[in-house]
Each structure stands twice: as structure tokens, then as C-alpha cells.
Amino acid sequence: MTPSHFDIAIVGDSLAARMAAALLAKHGKRLLLLSTAMHRDSWVHSSLFTERLLRALGARDAHTSFQPFQVLSSRARVTIHPDFPLTVELLREFGSAASQVEALLDGFERDGTFLEELLWKHGGLPSGGMRETVAWRWLCLRHKLPLAQLTRPLTERLHGFPDAAAEWLCDLFQGLSLQPLATLTVADGAFLWAHACRPGGVAGEELDELLNKRFEQFHGTEIQIDALDKLEHSQKGWIGSLPGGRRFQAGQLVLGELGQPLPGHGPLPSHRALPPAGHFATSKIDGQLSALLERRVIVGGPLPVRMAIVSTSKGLIGEVGSSAVADESGVRRQLEPILPFASYSLDSRMNNQGPLETENRTDRVSLVFNCPLQLGNHLWCADETRLLPQLGSGGAALLAWTLAREIDPTIIPHVG
């Protein structure tokens, strides 16, 4: 039986993989998506790359108004809301230290926005290779971007703050990233705050619907990964076997979910990656929430924990994100300030990904500036939950644009 031919096969349902699939299909690539029904984080922020992606796909359906959120530490409660001036919020909570906190956040918003604009000019992330590295460093030099300072640990920037302010800032960045503060760089902090402050928002469900709709409109093909019998690498790409003797060929293979086993194929090249975030869901919590609570809340404490309150057919539930090492009891303890007397169950929604080589150093250099996407010949990676988990949906959009550029440079050219 003659095999079907595709330019690219994508394995996995990470947000970056879905974004890249829609973008590449729009530009005429023949796409096969082997979907895995991967759990998607409901906490989504906009970013420059997300907004450009929506524009490129010819739709604004997923755009929403700014989605407020609260950050609760043991000694402060600050609401990030367009109707509540941040200056007033910080002054109420931190008194004379408010101006110091505001100056730090203003600088992060400015630096994060500038960083994204430079990455756009570059064509996405620096993804390896001498020419790529030289082009990126020259661009940074021309625009006087201090890379050495941006790759320093974020903890260094929080020195000198009073205890209450330092604790709140730690909770803020751990909650936005779902990573321990010690693993974050100054660049990570700048990206996170710039994304959190963008005036527009993105709705997760609407974004998923849009990406799926556009993928179908641009003639992408989707099958479940369970239907794949075998996958083999050849000199010209990849050959897959499906039930009934059907076969397909693909010039490139993109892993949208690192750790996903591929039938009939041995271990793939390892990739240094961060541990993914953990995800939990509460049972129905209608009538058990404070009227003062926003629909998005970061809860301070030893763990990075945040909760999005979402409406479902069964009522309101809390979708909780935390670090990869979090367990149910630890998450429950930390949720006490916002669910003090609530009765609910808490179920894990961790994606079942295989073991990966991970880095646990606390002197991490930002992967944003050292993120090779190519794992081997005809083999790429686009799993933001492992490569850039600290940047969430903003990291997904960065990865998607970069992958699309690497595969088809006409989509967004390199800086000249």
C-alpha cells in the first residue's frame, strides 16, 4: 500500500505543538498530528508572540479583557486589576517599601517587553549553532541589552527588600512560574511580569478551539497516538505504520510531548529539561468561596501554588497548579487561606510523561537564551512544559514561532 506523505508529523498535544501545527499548516505544510489528549493549564497569559500568532491565523477569537489575579502571602494581599492602581495596592501593604517594589516591577515589565521585541526581530529563540549565537549576541549588543545581568539568579534582585515585600515577591514569581524561585533568572522574572501585565488577555478554552479549528481549515490530519503501531527513522525522515496496513511518511518529526513512548521505536535522544508543573483539580466548590476572591489566585508558601476558578457543567471547580514535587497534602495546606472551611476532594491531573534527564542546579542559566530545539536528524522538540515550563503559555508561543521558523524560514526570517 502506497504510504501517505506529510512534511511534518507532530507527536503530542502541548500548547506549543498545537500552535506550531496551526501556523505551519497555514503556510502550506502537510501536517499529521498524533494527538495524546494532554492536559492543558487553564492559567494563560497573553504575550507578544501569542498576539502575533493569533493575528497570523487571522483570528482574535481567543482575546479577552485583562484577567485580574491576586497574590496572597502570609503578610500581604495584592490584587492585580486595572481598576485597582498597583501603586495604591503596594502602598497599603508595604508602606515605605512600596516604591522599591514598584520600581522593580516597572523595570521587569519594561525589560520583558523589550526582550520579546528583540526576540521577534531575531525570529524567535536562539536555538543553537554558531551563526545563530553570533546573530543573537550582535542584536543584543546593538540594542545594549545586558545579557550577563539578565542571566543572573532572580534571587539576587530580591536582596535588600524588607521581609514582607521579599516574601510577597517570592510568592509572586513562584506562582507565575510554578517553579522554585532559586531556579529562575532575572530574564525569567522579566518575561513573567511583562506577560502578566499585558493589557489584553487570552482565554485558554477559546485558544484551544481556535487552534483546532484552524488546523482543520488548513487541511491538517489528526489521529490518536493509540492508532500508531510502529514508528521508524529512515534517511529521508520517518515512516509510521497504522492499523489495516496503512503507512505514512514524514520528512520531520516534532515531539510535542517529551517522554511520550513511540511504538516500535527505541529510546530517543535525551534532552536536558526542567521538571514540569503538577496539576490538580478540586471537586465542586460552589458556595464555598469568598466574594473578595478573584478567579485567579496565587497562594504563597513553601510551594509554588496557584488556582484558577473555572465554570464547568458540574459547577465551579478549582484548577490548581504547583511544582512537580507537590503532593496533595502539601497543596491542601497551602490552599487553606483561600479555602479555609471548604469541603472538597483534590485529584491529580499530572501528565503521564516518561522520565527525562533533568537539571536541579540552582545556578541555572536561562534556557530562553540556550534552547536548542533539534534533538537529532529530522527530529525536533516543542514541549514547553519541559523546555520552558517557567514561562507557561508565553514560552509555548515562543517555542512555536521558533520551531516554525526553523522548519520554514519564510514564516519569520532571521534578523539580517
Protein backbone atom coordinates (compact mmCIF):
# COMPACT_ATOMS: atom_id res chain seq x y z
CA MET A 1 0.00 0.00 0.00
CA THR A 2 1.40 3.40 -1.00
CA PRO A 3 2.16 5.47 2.13
CA SER A 4 0.65 8.91 2.72
CA HIS A 5 3.24 11.69 2.61
CA PHE A 6 3.48 14.50 5.15
CA ASP A 7 6.02 17.23 5.57
CA ILE A 8 5.82 17.05 9.36
CA ALA A 9 4.44 14.65 11.95
CA ILE A 10 3.85 16.01 15.46
CA VAL A 11 3.52 13.72 18.46
CA GLY A 12 1.76 15.20 21.49
CA ASP A 13 -0.70 17.91 22.47
CA SER A 14 1.42 20.53 24.21
CA LEU A 15 0.28 24.09 23.57
CA ALA A 16 3.45 24.84 21.62
CA ALA A 17 2.85 21.80 19.39
CA ARG A 18 -0.73 22.87 18.67
CA MET A 19 0.38 26.44 17.93
CA ALA A 20 3.17 25.28 15.62
CA ALA A 21 0.84 22.83 13.87
CA ALA A 22 -1.71 25.55 13.03
CA LEU A 23 1.00 28.00 11.94
CA LEU A 24 2.84 25.52 9.72
CA ALA A 25 -0.40 24.19 8.21
CA LYS A 26 -1.43 27.75 7.34
CA HIS A 27 1.85 28.14 5.44
CA GLY A 28 1.12 25.13 3.28
CA LYS A 29 2.89 22.33 5.13
CA ARG A 30 1.22 18.92 5.10
CA LEU A 31 0.78 18.10 8.79
CA LEU A 32 -0.02 14.90 10.67
CA LEU A 33 -0.81 15.34 14.36
CA LEU A 34 -0.63 12.25 16.57
CA SER A 35 -2.67 13.59 19.49
CA THR A 36 -2.47 12.42 23.09
CA ALA A 37 -5.18 14.46 24.88
CA MET A 38 -2.53 16.11 27.03
CA HIS A 39 -3.85 18.17 29.97
CA ARG A 40 -3.75 21.92 29.33
CA ASP A 41 -3.09 24.52 32.02
CA SER A 42 -6.07 26.85 32.41
CA TRP A 43 -3.88 29.76 33.60
CA VAL A 44 -2.99 31.52 30.34
CA HIS A 45 -1.42 34.95 29.86
CA SER A 46 -1.03 36.84 26.63
CA SER A 47 2.35 37.74 25.14
CA LEU A 48 3.72 39.46 22.07
CA PHE A 49 4.27 36.10 20.35
CA THR A 50 0.79 34.86 21.27
CA GLU A 51 -0.81 38.01 19.87
CA ARG A 52 1.24 37.79 16.65
CA LEU A 53 0.23 34.14 16.33
CA LEU A 54 -3.47 34.97 16.60
CA ARG A 55 -3.02 37.72 14.03
CA ALA A 56 -1.17 35.34 11.68
CA LEU A 57 -4.00 32.83 11.98
CA GLY A 58 -6.48 35.54 11.05
CA ALA A 59 -8.49 35.50 14.24
CA ARG A 60 -8.91 37.34 17.51
CA ASP A 61 -11.46 34.93 18.96
CA ALA A 62 -9.27 33.98 21.90
CA HIS A 63 -8.59 37.56 23.01
CA THR A 64 -10.31 38.65 26.22
CA SER A 65 -10.14 41.61 28.52
CA PHE A 66 -7.42 41.61 31.16
CA GLN A 67 -7.95 38.78 33.65
CA PRO A 68 -7.22 40.03 37.20
CA PHE A 69 -5.41 37.91 39.76
CA GLN A 70 -4.46 38.11 43.42
CA VAL A 71 -1.21 37.26 45.16
CA LEU A 72 -1.65 36.20 48.78
CA SER A 73 1.37 35.85 51.03
CA SER A 74 1.30 35.41 54.80
CA ARG A 75 1.62 39.17 55.34
CA ALA A 76 0.20 40.77 52.19
CA ARG A 77 -2.72 40.55 49.76
CA VAL A 78 -2.27 42.40 46.45
CA THR A 79 -4.77 42.39 43.58
CA ILE A 80 -3.51 42.94 40.04
CA HIS A 81 -6.53 44.60 38.45
CA PRO A 82 -6.94 47.53 36.02
CA ASP A 83 -9.48 49.13 38.37
CA PHE A 84 -7.15 48.95 41.39
CA PRO A 85 -4.00 51.10 40.90
CA LEU A 86 -0.98 48.94 41.72
CA THR A 87 0.69 51.90 43.43
CA VAL A 88 -2.16 52.10 45.94
CA GLU A 89 -2.18 48.32 46.48
CA LEU A 90 1.55 48.22 47.18
CA LEU A 91 1.47 51.29 49.42
CA ARG A 92 -1.28 49.77 51.55
CA GLU A 93 0.64 46.51 52.02
CA PHE A 94 4.29 47.61 52.15
CA GLY A 95 4.27 51.22 53.27
CA SER A 96 7.64 52.89 52.72
CA ALA A 97 8.93 49.85 50.77
CA ALA A 98 6.16 50.19 48.16
CA SER A 99 8.19 52.43 45.87
CA GLN A 100 11.08 49.92 45.89
CA VAL A 101 8.74 47.06 44.93
CA GLU A 102 7.04 49.14 42.24
CA ALA A 103 10.38 50.18 40.75
CA LEU A 104 11.45 46.53 40.48
CA LEU A 105 8.19 45.53 38.79
CA ASP A 106 8.24 48.51 36.42
CA GLY A 107 11.77 47.57 35.39
CA PHE A 108 10.75 43.95 34.81
CA GLU A 109 7.77 44.99 32.69
CA ARG A 110 9.96 47.25 30.58
CA ASP A 111 12.78 44.69 30.22
CA GLY A 112 10.43 41.78 29.49
CA THR A 113 8.62 43.72 26.77
CA PHE A 114 11.94 44.81 25.25
CA LEU A 115 13.25 41.24 25.35
CA GLU A 116 10.24 39.93 23.44
CA GLU A 117 10.59 42.66 20.82
CA LEU A 118 14.25 41.72 20.30
CA LEU A 119 13.37 38.04 20.07
CA TRP A 120 10.77 38.92 17.46
CA LYS A 121 13.40 40.78 15.44
CA HIS A 122 15.68 37.76 15.79
CA GLY A 123 12.97 35.39 14.58
CA GLY A 124 12.34 33.60 17.87
CA LEU A 125 14.56 31.88 20.39
CA PRO A 126 18.30 31.44 19.86
CA SER A 127 18.16 27.75 19.07
CA GLY A 128 21.80 26.72 18.76
CA GLY A 129 24.62 26.87 16.25
CA MET A 130 27.48 29.33 15.85
CA ARG A 131 25.75 31.55 13.29
CA GLU A 132 22.60 31.72 15.41
CA THR A 133 24.55 32.58 18.55
CA VAL A 134 26.56 35.31 16.84
CA ALA A 135 23.42 36.85 15.29
CA TRP A 136 21.64 36.94 18.64
CA ARG A 137 24.58 38.36 20.56
CA TRP A 138 25.16 41.01 17.92
CA LEU A 139 21.50 42.01 18.08
CA CYS A 140 21.72 42.30 21.88
CA LEU A 141 24.94 44.33 21.59
CA ARG A 142 23.40 46.73 19.07
CA HIS A 143 20.45 47.36 21.39
CA LYS A 144 22.59 47.49 24.54
CA LEU A 145 20.83 44.53 26.13
CA PRO A 146 22.86 43.36 29.17
CA LEU A 147 22.70 39.57 28.76
CA ALA A 148 25.08 38.97 31.65
CA GLN A 149 22.69 40.72 34.05
CA LEU A 150 19.58 39.02 32.66
CA THR A 151 21.01 35.55 33.19
CA ARG A 152 21.79 36.20 36.86
CA PRO A 153 19.66 34.43 39.50
CA LEU A 154 16.40 36.21 40.26
CA THR A 155 17.07 35.80 43.97
CA GLU A 156 19.85 38.39 43.69
CA ARG A 157 17.33 41.07 42.66
CA LEU A 158 15.25 40.48 45.79
CA HIS A 159 18.08 41.17 48.23
CA GLY A 160 17.59 44.29 50.32
CA PHE A 161 13.81 44.22 50.40
CA PRO A 162 12.02 44.19 53.77
CA ASP A 163 10.86 40.71 54.78
CA ALA A 164 7.17 41.20 53.92
CA ALA A 165 7.93 42.60 50.47
CA ALA A 166 10.60 39.97 49.73
CA GLU A 167 8.20 37.20 50.72
CA TRP A 168 5.42 38.59 48.52
CA LEU A 169 7.76 38.94 45.52
CA CYS A 170 8.97 35.37 46.02
CA ASP A 171 5.35 34.14 46.10
CA LEU A 172 4.50 36.20 43.01
CA PHE A 173 7.25 34.77 40.81
CA GLN A 174 6.92 31.22 42.13
CA GLY A 175 3.19 31.35 41.45
CA LEU A 176 3.55 32.75 37.94
CA SER A 177 6.25 30.22 37.01
CA LEU A 178 5.27 27.18 39.12
CA GLN A 179 8.99 26.74 39.69
CA PRO A 180 11.10 27.34 42.84
CA LEU A 181 12.48 30.87 42.96
CA ALA A 182 16.06 29.53 43.07
CA THR A 183 15.70 28.10 39.54
CA LEU A 184 14.61 31.40 37.95
CA THR A 185 16.75 34.05 36.30
CA VAL A 186 16.23 37.79 36.02
CA ALA A 187 15.14 37.24 32.40
CA ASP A 188 12.51 34.74 33.55
CA GLY A 189 11.17 37.28 36.03
CA ALA A 190 11.03 39.98 33.36
CA PHE A 191 9.14 37.75 30.93
CA LEU A 192 6.70 36.58 33.60
CA TRP A 193 5.77 40.04 34.83
CA ALA A 194 5.57 41.52 31.31
CA HIS A 195 3.16 38.75 30.29
CA ALA A 196 1.10 39.15 33.45
CA CYS A 197 0.76 42.91 32.82
CA ARG A 198 -0.23 42.87 29.15
CA PRO A 199 -3.49 44.81 28.81
CA GLY A 200 -5.24 42.07 26.84
CA GLY A 201 -5.85 38.51 27.91
CA VAL A 202 -6.19 35.08 26.35
CA ALA A 203 -8.87 32.54 27.23
CA GLY A 204 -7.47 29.01 27.33
CA GLU A 205 -10.53 27.14 26.03
CA GLU A 206 -11.12 29.63 23.21
CA LEU A 207 -7.45 29.44 22.25
CA ASP A 208 -7.61 25.65 22.04
CA GLU A 209 -10.77 25.80 19.95
CA LEU A 210 -9.20 28.31 17.59
CA LEU A 211 -6.02 26.26 17.11
CA ASN A 212 -8.01 23.09 16.44
CA LYS A 213 -10.34 24.90 14.04
CA ARG A 214 -7.51 26.50 12.08
CA PHE A 215 -5.60 23.21 11.91
CA GLU A 216 -8.62 21.57 10.29
CA GLN A 217 -9.27 24.52 7.97
CA PHE A 218 -5.69 24.36 6.72
CA HIS A 219 -6.12 20.64 5.98
CA GLY A 220 -4.14 19.18 8.84
CA THR A 221 -4.68 15.50 9.62
CA GLU A 222 -5.16 14.30 13.19
CA ILE A 223 -5.22 10.77 14.59
CA GLN A 224 -4.89 9.41 18.12
CA ILE A 225 -1.45 8.21 19.16
CA ASP A 226 -3.04 4.90 20.16
CA ALA A 227 -3.62 4.19 16.47
CA LEU A 228 0.13 4.20 15.79
CA ASP A 229 1.53 0.67 15.54
CA LYS A 230 5.14 1.48 14.73
CA LEU A 231 7.44 4.42 14.00
CA GLU A 232 10.83 4.10 12.34
CA HIS A 233 13.54 6.56 11.34
CA SER A 234 14.94 6.45 7.80
CA GLN A 235 17.45 8.51 5.85
CA LYS A 236 14.66 10.65 4.43
CA GLY A 237 12.63 11.10 7.59
CA TRP A 238 10.13 8.93 9.46
CA ILE A 239 7.89 6.03 8.50
CA GLY A 240 4.84 5.12 10.57
CA SER A 241 2.54 2.10 10.48
CA LEU A 242 -1.19 2.29 11.21
CA PRO A 243 -3.84 -0.43 11.59
CA GLY A 244 -5.04 -2.11 8.42
CA GLY A 245 -1.64 -1.97 6.72
CA ARG A 246 -1.77 1.79 6.26
CA ARG A 247 1.54 3.67 6.34
CA PHE A 248 2.72 7.25 6.29
CA GLN A 249 5.99 9.06 5.70
CA ALA A 250 7.03 12.37 7.24
CA GLY A 251 10.11 14.42 6.50
CA GLN A 252 10.31 15.83 10.04
CA LEU A 253 9.16 14.57 13.42
CA VAL A 254 8.28 17.02 16.21
CA LEU A 255 7.93 15.84 19.80
CA GLY A 256 5.17 17.90 21.35
CA GLU A 257 5.26 15.78 24.49
CA LEU A 258 8.68 14.71 25.72
CA GLY A 259 8.61 11.28 27.32
CA GLN A 260 5.72 10.03 25.18
CA PRO A 261 6.66 6.45 24.17
CA LEU A 262 6.68 5.82 20.43
CA PRO A 263 5.55 2.31 19.43
CA GLY A 264 8.24 0.23 17.81
CA HIS A 265 10.94 2.84 18.37
CA GLY A 266 13.80 2.68 20.83
CA PRO A 267 14.82 5.44 23.26
CA LEU A 268 15.00 8.88 21.69
CA PRO A 269 17.90 11.26 22.35
CA SER A 270 17.75 12.69 25.86
CA HIS A 271 17.15 16.37 26.41
CA ARG A 272 18.06 18.37 29.47
CA ALA A 273 14.82 19.82 30.73
CA LEU A 274 13.12 21.27 33.77
CA PRO A 275 10.55 19.25 35.71
CA PRO A 276 7.02 20.04 34.50
CA ALA A 277 4.43 21.66 36.71
CA GLY A 278 1.99 19.48 38.63
CA HIS A 279 -1.75 19.97 38.16
CA PHE A 280 -4.69 19.20 40.45
CA ALA A 281 -8.42 19.79 40.30
CA THR A 282 -10.84 20.29 43.18
CA SER A 283 -14.32 18.88 43.29
CA LYS A 284 -17.26 21.30 43.16
CA ILE A 285 -16.69 24.35 45.40
CA ASP A 286 -19.84 26.40 44.69
CA GLY A 287 -20.93 28.47 47.69
CA GLN A 288 -17.60 27.98 49.47
CA LEU A 289 -15.68 30.94 48.03
CA SER A 290 -15.16 34.41 49.45
CA ALA A 291 -16.76 37.23 47.46
CA LEU A 292 -13.40 39.06 47.69
CA LEU A 293 -11.58 36.28 45.84
CA GLU A 294 -10.55 36.79 42.20
CA ARG A 295 -10.92 33.93 39.72
CA ARG A 296 -7.12 33.59 39.65
CA VAL A 297 -5.17 33.41 42.89
CA ILE A 298 -1.51 32.81 43.74
CA VAL A 299 -1.18 31.39 47.25
CA GLY A 300 2.14 31.96 48.98
CA GLY A 301 4.05 29.40 50.98
CA PRO A 302 6.85 26.86 50.57
CA LEU A 303 5.37 25.50 47.32
CA PRO A 304 4.65 27.44 44.12
CA VAL A 305 0.82 27.21 44.10
CA ARG A 306 -1.86 29.00 42.11
CA MET A 307 -5.54 28.31 41.48
CA ALA A 308 -7.89 29.26 38.65
CA ILE A 309 -11.59 29.06 39.49
CA VAL A 310 -13.38 27.79 36.38
CA SER A 311 -17.00 27.08 35.49
CA THR A 312 -17.87 23.56 34.36
CA SER A 313 -21.08 21.71 33.62
CA LYS A 314 -20.97 20.42 37.21
CA GLY A 315 -20.36 23.84 38.79
CA LEU A 316 -17.30 25.78 39.92
CA ILE A 317 -14.04 23.91 40.42
CA GLY A 318 -10.51 24.99 41.22
CA GLU A 319 -7.77 24.07 38.77
CA VAL A 320 -4.58 24.13 40.79
CA GLY A 321 -1.02 24.35 39.51
CA SER A 322 2.02 23.60 41.63
CA SER A 323 5.58 22.37 41.36
CA ALA A 324 6.38 18.89 40.13
CA VAL A 325 7.27 17.71 43.66
CA ALA A 326 3.99 18.83 45.23
CA ASP A 327 1.67 16.25 46.76
CA GLU A 328 -2.00 16.52 47.68
CA SER A 329 -1.44 17.17 51.37
CA GLY A 330 1.06 19.98 50.73
CA VAL A 331 -1.22 21.66 48.21
CA ARG A 332 -4.20 21.39 50.58
CA ARG A 333 -2.28 23.04 53.41
CA GLN A 334 -1.28 25.92 51.19
CA LEU A 335 -4.84 26.43 49.89
CA GLU A 336 -6.14 26.96 53.43
CA PRO A 337 -6.03 30.81 53.24
CA ILE A 338 -8.50 30.85 50.32
CA LEU A 339 -10.49 27.69 51.15
CA PRO A 340 -10.40 27.77 54.97
CA PHE A 341 -13.61 25.88 55.67
CA ALA A 342 -14.32 24.33 52.29
CA SER A 343 -15.15 20.67 51.83
CA TYR A 344 -13.66 19.29 48.64
CA SER A 345 -11.62 16.48 47.14
CA LEU A 346 -8.39 17.11 45.24
CA ASP A 347 -7.39 14.95 42.28
CA SER A 348 -4.07 14.92 40.47
CA ARG A 349 -4.00 15.83 36.78
CA MET A 350 -0.29 15.27 36.22
CA ASN A 351 0.51 14.35 32.62
CA ASN A 352 1.92 10.86 32.39
CA GLN A 353 5.28 11.67 30.86
CA GLY A 354 8.25 9.37 30.88
CA PRO A 355 11.50 10.03 32.76
CA LEU A 356 13.81 12.69 31.44
CA GLU A 357 17.25 13.94 32.26
CA THR A 358 16.56 17.00 34.42
CA GLU A 359 18.73 19.67 35.92
CA ASN A 360 18.34 20.52 39.59
CA ARG A 361 21.07 23.15 39.92
CA THR A 362 20.12 26.44 41.49
CA ASP A 363 22.64 28.44 39.44
CA ARG A 364 20.69 27.89 36.24
CA VAL A 365 21.42 29.88 33.09
CA SER A 366 18.15 30.88 31.44
CA LEU A 367 17.07 28.29 28.89
CA VAL A 368 15.46 31.14 26.97
CA PHE A 369 18.93 32.02 25.63
CA ASN A 370 20.12 28.42 25.25
CA CYS A 371 17.26 26.34 23.91
CA PRO A 372 18.29 24.00 21.06
CA LEU A 373 15.10 22.54 19.61
CA GLN A 374 16.72 19.97 17.33
CA LEU A 375 17.26 16.63 19.03
CA GLY A 376 18.65 14.81 16.00
CA ASN A 377 18.33 14.32 12.27
CA HIS A 378 14.74 15.15 11.24
CA LEU A 379 13.83 15.31 14.95
CA TRP A 380 12.64 18.40 16.84
CA CYS A 381 11.17 19.26 20.23
CA ALA A 382 8.25 21.60 21.01
CA ASP A 383 7.18 20.77 24.55
CA GLU A 384 7.03 23.96 26.61
CA THR A 385 6.04 22.01 29.73
CA ARG A 386 9.59 20.61 29.81
CA LEU A 387 11.75 23.10 27.89
CA LEU A 388 10.34 26.39 29.22
CA PRO A 389 7.85 25.43 31.93
CA GLN A 390 8.64 28.58 33.90
CA LEU A 391 7.15 30.74 31.12
CA GLY A 392 3.86 28.86 30.67
CA SER A 393 1.79 29.90 27.66
CA GLY A 394 4.28 32.66 26.79
CA GLY A 395 7.00 30.02 26.50
CA ALA A 396 4.70 27.92 24.32
CA ALA A 397 4.24 30.75 21.83
CA LEU A 398 8.00 31.40 21.75
CA LEU A 399 8.72 27.74 21.03
CA ALA A 400 6.01 27.53 18.36
CA TRP A 401 7.30 30.52 16.43
CA THR A 402 10.91 29.33 16.70
CA LEU A 403 10.08 25.83 15.51
CA ALA A 404 8.05 27.18 12.59
CA ARG A 405 10.98 29.42 11.61
CA GLU A 406 13.48 26.54 11.82
CA ILE A 407 11.33 24.33 9.59
CA ASP A 408 10.20 27.07 7.21
CA PRO A 409 12.34 30.27 7.35
CA THR A 410 9.84 32.12 5.14
CA ILE A 411 7.36 32.27 8.05
CA ILE A 412 9.51 34.66 10.06
CA PRO A 413 13.02 35.37 8.76
CA HIS A 414 16.18 35.65 10.82
CA VAL A 415 17.48 39.10 11.56
CA GLY A 416 19.69 40.19 8.68
